[in-house]
Protein backbone atom coordinates (compact mmCIF):
# COMPACT_ATOMS: atom_id res chain seq x y z
CA MET A 1 24.53 -19.71 21.85
CA PHE A 2 22.43 -22.68 20.71
CA ALA A 3 24.82 -25.63 20.83
CA ASP A 4 23.87 -27.15 17.49
CA ARG A 5 24.27 -23.92 15.49
CA GLN A 6 27.34 -21.98 14.46
CA SER A 7 27.31 -18.23 14.74
CA TRP A 8 27.41 -15.85 11.80
CA HIS A 9 28.05 -12.16 11.40
CA PHE A 10 25.05 -10.69 9.58
CA GLY A 11 25.45 -7.43 7.72
CA VAL A 12 22.08 -5.72 7.27
CA LEU A 13 21.50 -3.49 4.24
CA PRO A 14 18.20 -1.85 5.23
CA PHE A 15 16.44 1.33 4.19
CA THR A 16 15.97 4.51 6.21
CA GLY A 17 12.15 4.55 6.14
CA THR A 18 10.52 3.59 9.44
CA GLY A 19 8.24 1.04 7.79
CA GLN A 20 11.28 -0.73 6.33
CA LEU A 21 13.58 -0.28 9.33
CA ASN A 22 11.42 -1.50 12.22
CA PRO A 23 10.83 -5.03 10.89
CA LEU A 24 14.52 -5.50 10.09
CA ILE A 25 15.50 -4.32 13.57
CA LEU A 26 13.08 -6.80 15.14
CA LEU A 27 14.35 -9.62 12.93
CA SER A 28 17.95 -8.68 13.77
CA GLN A 29 17.20 -8.76 17.48
CA HIS A 30 16.01 -12.34 17.08
CA LEU A 31 19.26 -13.19 15.28
CA ARG A 32 21.25 -11.55 18.06
CA ASP A 33 19.29 -13.49 20.69
CA ARG A 34 20.21 -16.69 18.83
CA GLY A 35 23.89 -15.86 19.26
CA HIS A 36 24.66 -14.19 15.94
CA LYS A 37 26.39 -10.85 15.51
CA VAL A 38 24.42 -8.22 13.58
CA THR A 39 25.67 -4.94 12.10
CA PHE A 40 23.63 -2.40 10.14
CA PHE A 41 25.20 -0.47 7.25
CA GLU A 42 23.29 2.69 6.35
CA LYS A 43 23.23 6.46 6.46
CA PRO A 44 24.02 7.98 9.88
CA ARG A 45 20.50 9.28 10.47
CA ILE A 46 19.27 5.87 11.66
CA GLU A 47 22.28 5.10 13.86
CA ASP A 48 20.64 6.07 17.16
CA ARG A 49 17.57 3.96 16.44
CA VAL A 50 19.69 0.91 15.61
CA ARG A 51 22.00 1.28 18.60
CA GLN A 52 19.04 1.79 20.97
CA ALA A 53 17.89 -1.64 19.82
CA GLY A 54 21.21 -3.13 20.97
CA LEU A 55 22.62 -3.67 17.49
CA ASP A 56 25.89 -2.57 15.88
CA PHE A 57 26.05 0.13 13.23
CA VAL A 58 28.50 1.31 10.56
CA ALA A 59 27.76 4.52 8.65
CA VAL A 60 27.89 4.37 4.85
CA GLY A 61 26.23 6.22 2.01
CA ASN A 62 26.14 9.70 3.49
CA SER A 63 28.32 11.12 0.72
CA GLY A 64 25.61 10.07 -1.74
CA SER A 65 23.31 12.83 -0.54
CA THR A 66 22.21 15.61 -2.82
CA SER A 67 25.10 17.59 -4.16
CA LYS A 68 25.98 20.76 -2.29
CA GLY A 69 23.76 23.61 -3.34
CA GLU A 70 21.26 21.29 -5.01
CA ASN A 71 17.79 21.19 -3.53
CA PRO A 72 14.60 19.38 -4.51
CA PRO A 73 12.47 21.38 -6.94
CA VAL A 74 9.79 23.54 -5.34
CA ASP A 75 6.49 21.69 -5.27
CA VAL A 76 4.37 23.86 -7.53
CA PRO A 77 1.74 22.39 -9.87
CA THR A 78 3.41 22.93 -13.22
CA LEU A 79 4.49 20.37 -15.76
CA HIS A 80 8.01 21.81 -15.76
CA SER A 81 8.36 21.41 -11.98
CA GLN A 82 6.99 17.87 -12.08
CA ILE A 83 9.49 16.84 -14.74
CA ALA A 84 12.25 18.51 -12.72
CA ALA A 85 11.13 16.61 -9.60
CA LEU A 86 11.18 13.29 -11.46
CA ARG A 87 14.68 13.97 -12.78
CA PHE A 88 15.79 15.00 -9.29
CA ASP A 89 14.43 11.79 -7.73
CA LEU A 90 16.03 9.53 -10.33
CA ARG A 91 19.35 11.40 -10.06
CA ARG A 92 19.28 11.13 -6.26
CA ILE A 93 18.56 7.40 -6.41
CA ARG A 94 21.40 6.88 -8.87
CA GLN A 95 23.82 8.91 -6.72
CA ASP A 96 22.86 6.89 -3.66
CA LEU A 97 23.39 3.62 -5.53
CA GLU A 98 26.83 4.66 -6.74
CA THR A 99 27.85 5.75 -3.23
CA TYR A 100 26.63 2.53 -1.59
CA LEU A 101 28.44 0.43 -4.20
CA ARG A 102 31.65 2.34 -3.54
CA GLU A 103 31.52 2.51 0.28
CA THR A 104 29.74 -0.61 1.47
CA PRO A 105 32.03 -3.47 0.27
CA PRO A 106 35.16 -2.19 2.09
CA ALA A 107 33.09 -1.51 5.22
CA LEU A 108 31.74 -5.06 5.16
CA ARG A 109 35.22 -6.52 4.69
CA GLN A 110 36.63 -4.48 7.55
CA THR A 111 33.96 -5.64 10.00
CA GLY A 112 34.18 -9.31 9.06
CA VAL A 113 30.61 -9.77 7.86
CA ASN A 114 30.07 -13.17 6.26
CA VAL A 115 26.36 -13.12 5.35
CA LEU A 116 24.02 -10.33 4.24
CA LEU A 117 20.41 -9.48 5.00
CA VAL A 118 19.27 -7.33 2.09
CA ASN A 119 16.06 -5.31 2.20
CA GLU A 120 14.37 -5.85 -1.15
CA ILE A 121 14.42 -2.07 -1.64
CA ALA A 122 18.22 -1.94 -1.11
CA LEU A 123 18.87 -2.42 -4.83
CA THR A 124 22.66 -2.63 -4.49
CA GLY A 125 22.53 -5.60 -2.09
CA PRO A 126 22.77 -8.54 -4.50
CA THR A 127 25.61 -6.85 -6.41
CA ILE A 128 27.53 -6.18 -3.17
CA ALA A 129 27.03 -9.80 -2.10
CA GLU A 130 28.32 -11.01 -5.46
CA ILE A 131 31.36 -8.72 -5.30
CA LEU A 132 32.27 -10.10 -1.85
CA HIS A 133 31.06 -13.60 -2.71
CA VAL A 134 29.12 -13.92 0.54
CA PRO A 135 25.72 -15.63 0.89
CA TYR A 136 22.71 -13.35 1.21
CA PHE A 137 19.01 -13.28 1.93
CA ILE A 138 16.39 -11.00 0.40
CA ILE A 139 13.90 -9.66 2.95
CA SER A 140 10.56 -8.21 1.87
CA THR A 141 8.97 -6.19 4.65
CA SER A 142 5.77 -5.79 2.61
CA VAL A 143 4.21 -7.25 -0.53
CA PRO A 144 7.22 -8.49 -2.56
CA HIS A 145 7.94 -6.43 -5.66
CA THR A 146 7.81 -9.56 -7.80
CA PHE A 147 4.14 -9.99 -6.81
CA GLY A 148 3.34 -6.59 -8.33
CA TRP A 149 1.92 -3.49 -6.69
CA GLY A 150 -0.48 -2.45 -9.41
CA GLY A 151 -3.44 -3.94 -11.23
CA TYR A 152 -6.12 -2.72 -8.82
CA PRO A 153 -8.64 -0.61 -10.81
CA TRP A 154 -10.55 0.27 -7.63
CA PHE A 155 -7.45 2.07 -6.38
CA ALA A 156 -6.55 3.73 -9.68
CA GLY A 157 -6.73 7.20 -8.13
CA TYR A 158 -4.58 6.61 -5.08
CA LYS A 159 -2.04 9.32 -6.00
CA TYR A 160 -3.23 12.61 -4.53
CA SER A 161 -3.19 14.50 -7.82
CA THR A 162 -5.47 14.92 -10.80
CA SER A 163 -2.48 15.51 -13.07
CA TRP A 164 -1.91 12.97 -15.84
CA PHE A 165 1.81 13.43 -15.22
CA SER A 166 1.42 12.10 -11.68
CA GLY A 167 0.57 8.69 -13.14
CA VAL A 168 3.47 8.89 -15.57
CA GLN A 169 5.84 9.86 -12.77
CA THR A 170 4.70 6.97 -10.58
CA ALA A 171 5.03 4.49 -13.43
CA LEU A 172 8.54 5.66 -14.36
CA LEU A 173 9.81 5.59 -10.78
CA GLU A 174 8.35 2.16 -10.09
CA VAL A 175 9.64 0.71 -13.36
CA SER A 176 13.08 2.19 -12.71
CA ALA A 177 13.42 1.28 -9.05
CA LEU A 178 11.23 -1.80 -8.58
CA ARG A 179 11.51 -3.53 -11.94
CA MET A 180 15.16 -2.58 -12.40
CA ARG A 181 14.83 -0.89 -15.76
CA GLY A 182 15.95 2.45 -17.09
CA PRO A 183 18.57 4.66 -15.38
CA ILE A 184 18.71 2.64 -12.15
CA ARG A 185 19.56 -0.57 -13.97
CA HIS A 186 22.01 1.24 -16.24
CA ALA A 187 23.90 2.58 -13.21
CA LEU A 188 24.12 -0.87 -11.65
CA ASP A 189 25.14 -2.54 -14.91
CA GLU A 190 27.87 0.04 -15.51
CA TYR A 191 29.34 -0.59 -12.07
CA ARG A 192 29.05 -4.35 -12.46
CA ARG A 193 30.88 -4.13 -15.79
CA GLN A 194 33.69 -2.16 -14.14
CA VAL A 195 34.20 -4.85 -11.48
CA GLY A 196 33.93 -7.76 -13.92
CA LEU A 197 30.35 -8.91 -13.24
CA ARG A 198 27.65 -9.84 -15.74
CA PRO A 199 24.55 -7.60 -16.19
CA ILE A 200 22.09 -7.41 -13.31
CA ARG A 201 19.43 -9.39 -15.22
CA GLN A 202 21.73 -12.43 -14.94
CA ALA A 203 22.57 -11.96 -11.25
CA LYS A 204 19.70 -14.06 -9.92
CA ARG A 205 20.82 -17.02 -12.02
CA LEU A 206 24.58 -16.65 -11.46
CA PHE A 207 24.56 -15.66 -7.77
CA PRO A 208 21.08 -16.19 -6.30
CA GLU A 209 19.99 -15.43 -2.75
CA LEU A 210 19.84 -18.38 -0.35
CA ALA A 211 16.23 -17.49 0.39
CA HIS A 212 13.68 -14.75 -0.24
CA ILE A 213 11.72 -14.17 2.97
CA THR A 214 8.67 -11.94 3.44
CA GLN A 215 6.92 -10.96 6.65
CA LEU A 216 3.70 -10.85 4.63
CA PRO A 217 1.83 -13.86 6.04
CA LYS A 218 0.50 -16.36 3.53
CA CYS A 219 -2.97 -16.10 5.08
CA LEU A 220 -3.06 -12.42 4.11
CA ASP A 221 -1.78 -12.82 0.55
CA LEU A 222 -3.65 -13.48 -2.67
CA PRO A 223 -3.89 -17.11 -3.84
CA ARG A 224 -0.84 -18.21 -5.86
CA ALA A 225 -0.44 -21.24 -8.11
CA SER A 226 3.33 -21.47 -7.73
CA LEU A 227 6.28 -19.85 -5.97
CA PRO A 228 10.08 -20.21 -6.24
CA LEU A 229 11.49 -23.02 -4.09
CA ASN A 230 13.57 -20.58 -2.05
CA PHE A 231 10.64 -18.23 -1.34
CA HIS A 232 9.18 -18.26 2.18
CA TYR A 233 6.21 -16.60 3.84
CA THR A 234 6.74 -16.14 7.56
CA GLY A 235 4.60 -13.54 9.29
CA PRO A 236 5.18 -10.33 11.24
CA PHE A 237 8.68 -9.83 12.63
CA THR A 238 7.98 -9.17 16.31
CA ASN A 239 9.84 -9.88 19.54
CA GLY A 240 7.76 -8.19 22.21
CA SER A 241 10.44 -5.61 23.03
CA ALA A 242 9.34 -2.08 23.77
CA ARG A 243 10.02 0.75 21.37
CA PRO A 244 11.64 3.96 22.56
CA HIS A 245 9.40 5.85 25.00
CA VAL A 246 7.07 8.42 23.46
CA ASP A 247 5.26 11.00 25.60
CA PHE A 248 1.50 10.99 25.11
CA PRO A 249 -1.39 12.74 26.92
CA TRP A 250 -3.12 9.61 28.14
CA ASP A 251 -5.25 11.71 30.51
CA ARG A 252 -7.07 13.18 27.49
CA LEU A 253 -8.65 9.84 26.57
CA ASP A 254 -12.23 10.07 27.84
CA GLY A 255 -13.58 6.55 27.48
CA ARG A 256 -15.43 6.92 24.19
CA PRO A 257 -14.61 4.36 21.46
CA MET A 258 -11.21 5.49 20.17
CA ILE A 259 -10.38 5.86 16.49
CA TYR A 260 -6.63 5.81 15.87
CA ALA A 261 -5.49 7.46 12.63
CA SER A 262 -1.98 7.31 11.19
CA LEU A 263 -0.85 7.94 7.62
CA GLY A 264 2.67 6.71 8.29
CA THR A 265 6.02 8.44 8.55
CA THR A 266 6.80 9.23 4.91
CA ARG A 267 6.41 12.49 3.05
CA MET A 268 3.45 10.96 1.18
CA ALA A 269 1.22 11.75 4.19
CA GLN A 270 -1.42 14.33 3.29
CA ALA A 271 -2.46 17.08 5.72
CA HIS A 272 -5.75 17.50 3.85
CA VAL A 273 -6.62 13.84 4.42
CA LEU A 274 -6.08 14.25 8.16
CA ARG A 275 -8.45 17.23 8.17
CA LEU A 276 -11.10 15.19 6.35
CA ILE A 277 -10.71 12.41 8.93
CA ALA A 278 -11.25 14.91 11.76
CA GLU A 279 -14.31 16.34 10.04
CA ALA A 280 -15.69 12.83 9.54
CA CYS A 281 -15.35 11.95 13.23
CA GLN A 282 -16.61 15.18 14.82
CA ASP A 283 -20.30 14.15 14.84
CA LEU A 284 -19.71 10.50 15.76
CA ALA A 285 -19.75 9.19 19.34
CA VAL A 286 -16.03 8.45 19.16
CA GLN A 287 -12.72 10.05 20.16
CA LEU A 288 -10.16 10.56 17.41
CA VAL A 289 -6.43 10.25 18.03
CA ILE A 290 -4.13 11.33 15.17
CA SER A 291 -0.45 10.43 14.90
CA LEU A 292 1.42 12.76 12.54
CA GLY A 293 4.38 10.40 12.20
CA GLY A 294 6.80 13.31 12.58
CA GLN A 295 5.70 14.78 9.25
CA PHE A 296 3.91 17.86 10.58
CA ASP A 297 3.95 20.18 13.57
CA SER A 298 1.00 19.30 15.78
CA LYS A 299 0.40 23.03 16.44
CA THR A 300 -0.73 23.47 12.83
CA PHE A 301 -3.63 21.08 13.55
CA ALA A 302 -4.87 22.85 16.69
CA ASP A 303 -8.06 23.95 14.90
CA LEU A 304 -9.21 20.53 13.68
CA PRO A 305 -12.96 19.86 13.93
CA GLY A 306 -14.01 17.86 16.98
CA ASN A 307 -10.86 18.68 18.98
CA PRO A 308 -9.07 15.33 18.40
CA VAL A 309 -5.90 14.36 20.24
CA VAL A 310 -3.04 15.14 17.83
CA ALA A 311 0.51 13.95 18.50
CA ARG A 312 3.61 14.55 16.40
CA TYR A 313 4.68 11.05 17.46
CA ALA A 314 2.50 8.50 19.21
CA PRO A 315 3.06 5.21 21.07
CA GLN A 316 1.37 3.24 18.33
CA LEU A 317 1.62 -0.23 19.86
CA ASP A 318 -0.02 0.97 23.09
CA LEU A 319 -2.74 2.95 21.32
CA LEU A 320 -3.64 0.01 19.08
CA LYS A 321 -4.51 -2.03 22.14
CA VAL A 322 -7.31 0.38 23.10
CA ALA A 323 -8.45 1.47 19.62
CA ALA A 324 -11.83 0.40 18.26
CA VAL A 325 -10.97 1.14 14.62
CA VAL A 326 -7.68 2.05 12.92
CA ILE A 327 -7.52 4.49 10.00
CA THR A 328 -4.36 3.72 8.04
CA HIS A 329 -2.61 4.52 4.78
CA GLY A 330 -2.20 0.77 4.24
CA GLY A 331 1.47 0.61 5.19
CA GLN A 332 2.46 -2.97 5.97
CA ASN A 333 3.80 -2.20 9.46
CA THR A 334 0.70 -0.42 10.73
CA VAL A 335 -1.54 -3.02 9.11
CA LEU A 336 0.26 -5.98 10.69
CA GLU A 337 0.44 -4.28 14.08
CA ALA A 338 -3.28 -3.53 13.95
CA LEU A 339 -4.08 -7.12 13.00
CA LEU A 340 -1.87 -8.47 15.78
CA ASP A 341 -4.25 -6.61 18.12
CA GLY A 342 -7.33 -7.77 16.22
CA LYS A 343 -8.37 -4.31 15.04
CA PRO A 344 -10.47 -3.69 11.91
CA MET A 345 -9.46 -0.80 9.66
CA VAL A 346 -10.39 1.94 7.26
CA ALA A 347 -7.59 2.09 4.68
CA ILE A 348 -6.75 5.15 2.56
CA PRO A 349 -3.79 4.05 0.39
CA LEU A 350 -1.56 6.90 -0.78
CA ALA A 351 1.38 5.41 -2.71
CA HIS A 352 3.81 2.56 -3.38
CA ASP A 353 2.74 -0.82 -1.91
CA GLN A 354 -0.23 0.61 0.00
CA PRO A 355 -2.89 -0.12 -2.68
CA ALA A 356 -1.64 -3.72 -2.87
CA VAL A 357 -1.79 -4.14 0.91
CA SER A 358 -5.22 -2.51 1.06
CA ALA A 359 -6.54 -4.81 -1.67
CA ARG A 360 -5.65 -7.79 0.49
CA LEU A 361 -7.45 -6.27 3.49
CA ALA A 362 -10.59 -5.60 1.45
CA ARG A 363 -10.59 -9.13 0.01
CA LEU A 364 -10.64 -10.67 3.51
CA GLY A 365 -13.19 -8.28 5.02
CA LEU A 366 -10.61 -6.71 7.33
CA ALA A 367 -11.09 -3.12 6.16
CA GLN A 368 -13.13 -0.64 4.22
CA VAL A 369 -10.86 0.89 1.55
CA LEU A 370 -11.29 4.43 0.26
CA PRO A 371 -9.39 5.74 -2.80
CA VAL A 372 -7.85 9.08 -1.88
CA MET A 373 -8.76 10.63 -5.22
CA HIS A 374 -12.47 10.33 -4.36
CA LEU A 375 -12.18 11.06 -0.65
CA SER A 376 -14.61 13.13 1.38
CA ALA A 377 -15.53 13.47 5.04
CA LYS A 378 -18.92 11.91 4.25
CA ARG A 379 -17.31 8.80 2.76
CA ILE A 380 -14.86 8.47 5.64
CA ARG A 381 -17.71 8.82 8.17
CA ALA A 382 -19.71 6.12 6.39
CA ALA A 383 -16.72 3.76 6.35
CA ILE A 384 -15.98 4.29 10.05
CA THR A 385 -19.63 3.77 10.95
CA LEU A 386 -19.79 0.55 8.95
CA VAL A 387 -16.59 -0.90 10.42
CA LEU A 388 -17.66 0.07 13.95
CA ASN A 389 -21.16 -1.38 13.72
CA ASP A 390 -20.77 -4.42 11.47
CA PRO A 391 -19.41 -7.25 13.68
CA GLY A 392 -18.08 -9.02 10.60
CA TYR A 393 -15.07 -6.67 10.40
CA ARG A 394 -14.17 -7.17 14.05
CA GLU A 395 -14.61 -10.94 13.80
CA ALA A 396 -12.44 -11.10 10.67
CA ALA A 397 -9.71 -9.05 12.39
CA GLN A 398 -9.80 -11.22 15.50
CA SER A 399 -9.63 -14.38 13.39
CA MET A 400 -6.57 -12.97 11.59
CA GLN A 401 -5.10 -12.00 14.97
CA ALA A 402 -5.24 -15.63 16.13
CA LYS A 403 -3.56 -16.83 12.94
CA LEU A 404 -0.74 -14.28 13.17
CA HIS A 405 -0.01 -15.06 16.81
CA SER A 406 0.28 -18.75 15.96
CA ILE A 407 2.91 -18.10 13.28
CA ASN A 408 5.80 -16.46 15.22
CA GLY A 409 7.20 -14.97 12.03
CA ALA A 410 10.63 -13.78 13.22
CA CYS A 411 11.50 -17.14 14.77
CA ARG A 412 10.43 -18.88 11.58
CA ALA A 413 12.56 -16.49 9.48
CA VAL A 414 15.63 -17.12 11.65
CA GLU A 415 15.16 -20.89 11.37
CA ILE A 416 14.94 -20.61 7.58
CA MET A 417 18.16 -18.59 7.48
CA GLU A 418 20.07 -20.87 9.84
CA ASP A 419 19.03 -23.97 7.91
CA ALA A 420 20.00 -22.39 4.58
CA LEU A 421 23.38 -21.25 5.94
CA GLU A 422 24.11 -24.69 7.34
CA LYS A 423 23.42 -26.27 3.95
CA HIS A 424 25.48 -23.54 2.26
CA ALA A 425 28.47 -24.20 4.53
CA VAL A 426 28.30 -27.93 3.83
CA GLY A 427 27.91 -27.33 0.10
CA ALA A 428 30.93 -25.01 0.15
CA GLY A 429 32.94 -27.83 1.65
CA THR A 430 33.57 -26.21 4.99
CA GLY A 431 31.83 -25.53 8.26
CA GLU A 432 34.20 -22.66 8.96
CA LEU A 433 33.13 -19.07 8.66
CA ARG A 434 34.60 -16.70 6.12
CA THR A 435 36.24 -13.65 7.64
């Protein structure tokens, strides 16, 4: 342990999505290497991944799953089914919130956690911290919600649907979950009232986080006139450790410039988009490698044009090192990992923060961005050809690569947290840890 620092027991309230989980695992490994204890509190399905990283894990929230006998509505293109799906999603989110609020505080007490790392998407985190009266940090693994994810007319058609209700559904979910309005906020406020806390809109003033930290680097963000005093840009959370081994047919790579395509690991990935990418690449002097992110069976893509290499899972960090161009959905993890290897991109944002991330790439000349609503093989082929042949994209990516490697984001984030905790302990009148 570093002699001039006291150790803390960090409780991590993450999110099960890979794009949210990986950065928090890497940040937690840095905390562990600095002598702190780190325990994750989440649904059991991520336990193996967390423990493989050498971190502790306590299962919570599993009883908040969909009620027995209740299944998501069948995805058929009718207004009735879309309304049913929206209600299902909001009900599931509310059930999860109520379960986390009920199960997490006693689990944290039992394990002796005395500081929280709260993923910005873990909406119950600030309330749980206030209930236990423990200091906490907000961690944004992508563009912070407070910066806004909309307002990009060029990407207005990013949802893969021509239905007007698709836009309504997206707006309602984002307002409810990200802006804390509607049924999500009502559920939190009802629980807070039951335990004697003021409404959630007052939480930031009455029990604020010690710091809000984002791995979005300042050099990649839009210009900003002002920021809260406790807000900090760092940079990518990396530590150089290997991810779990993934089998891959390396012998199939034939030496042509390699195009690596990944639309992430969420259910928003579109099979039709992958087929368009394959069609776009078949007449180019390149070799396409597609990672399905576990969302599809690779056998269903055996007939893709051009015979690309298709893997259900792929060793992304290794493939990025040899890729010439990366085709991405604009997820923050893939984008940062590509930039850390100096790779230019073609971005096809599908949902959530991806249009906001892609807008930042386009602004800095790091990527060609294609709205999915107007996608075609011809447009993808033109974008790939431009990014491959215009040295400006490669030079911009390599310049960003140098900046990101000079930042050391995880170390910076840990220093911010340790400094804030030291000041908090002094301000509380004690250097001793709460248990």
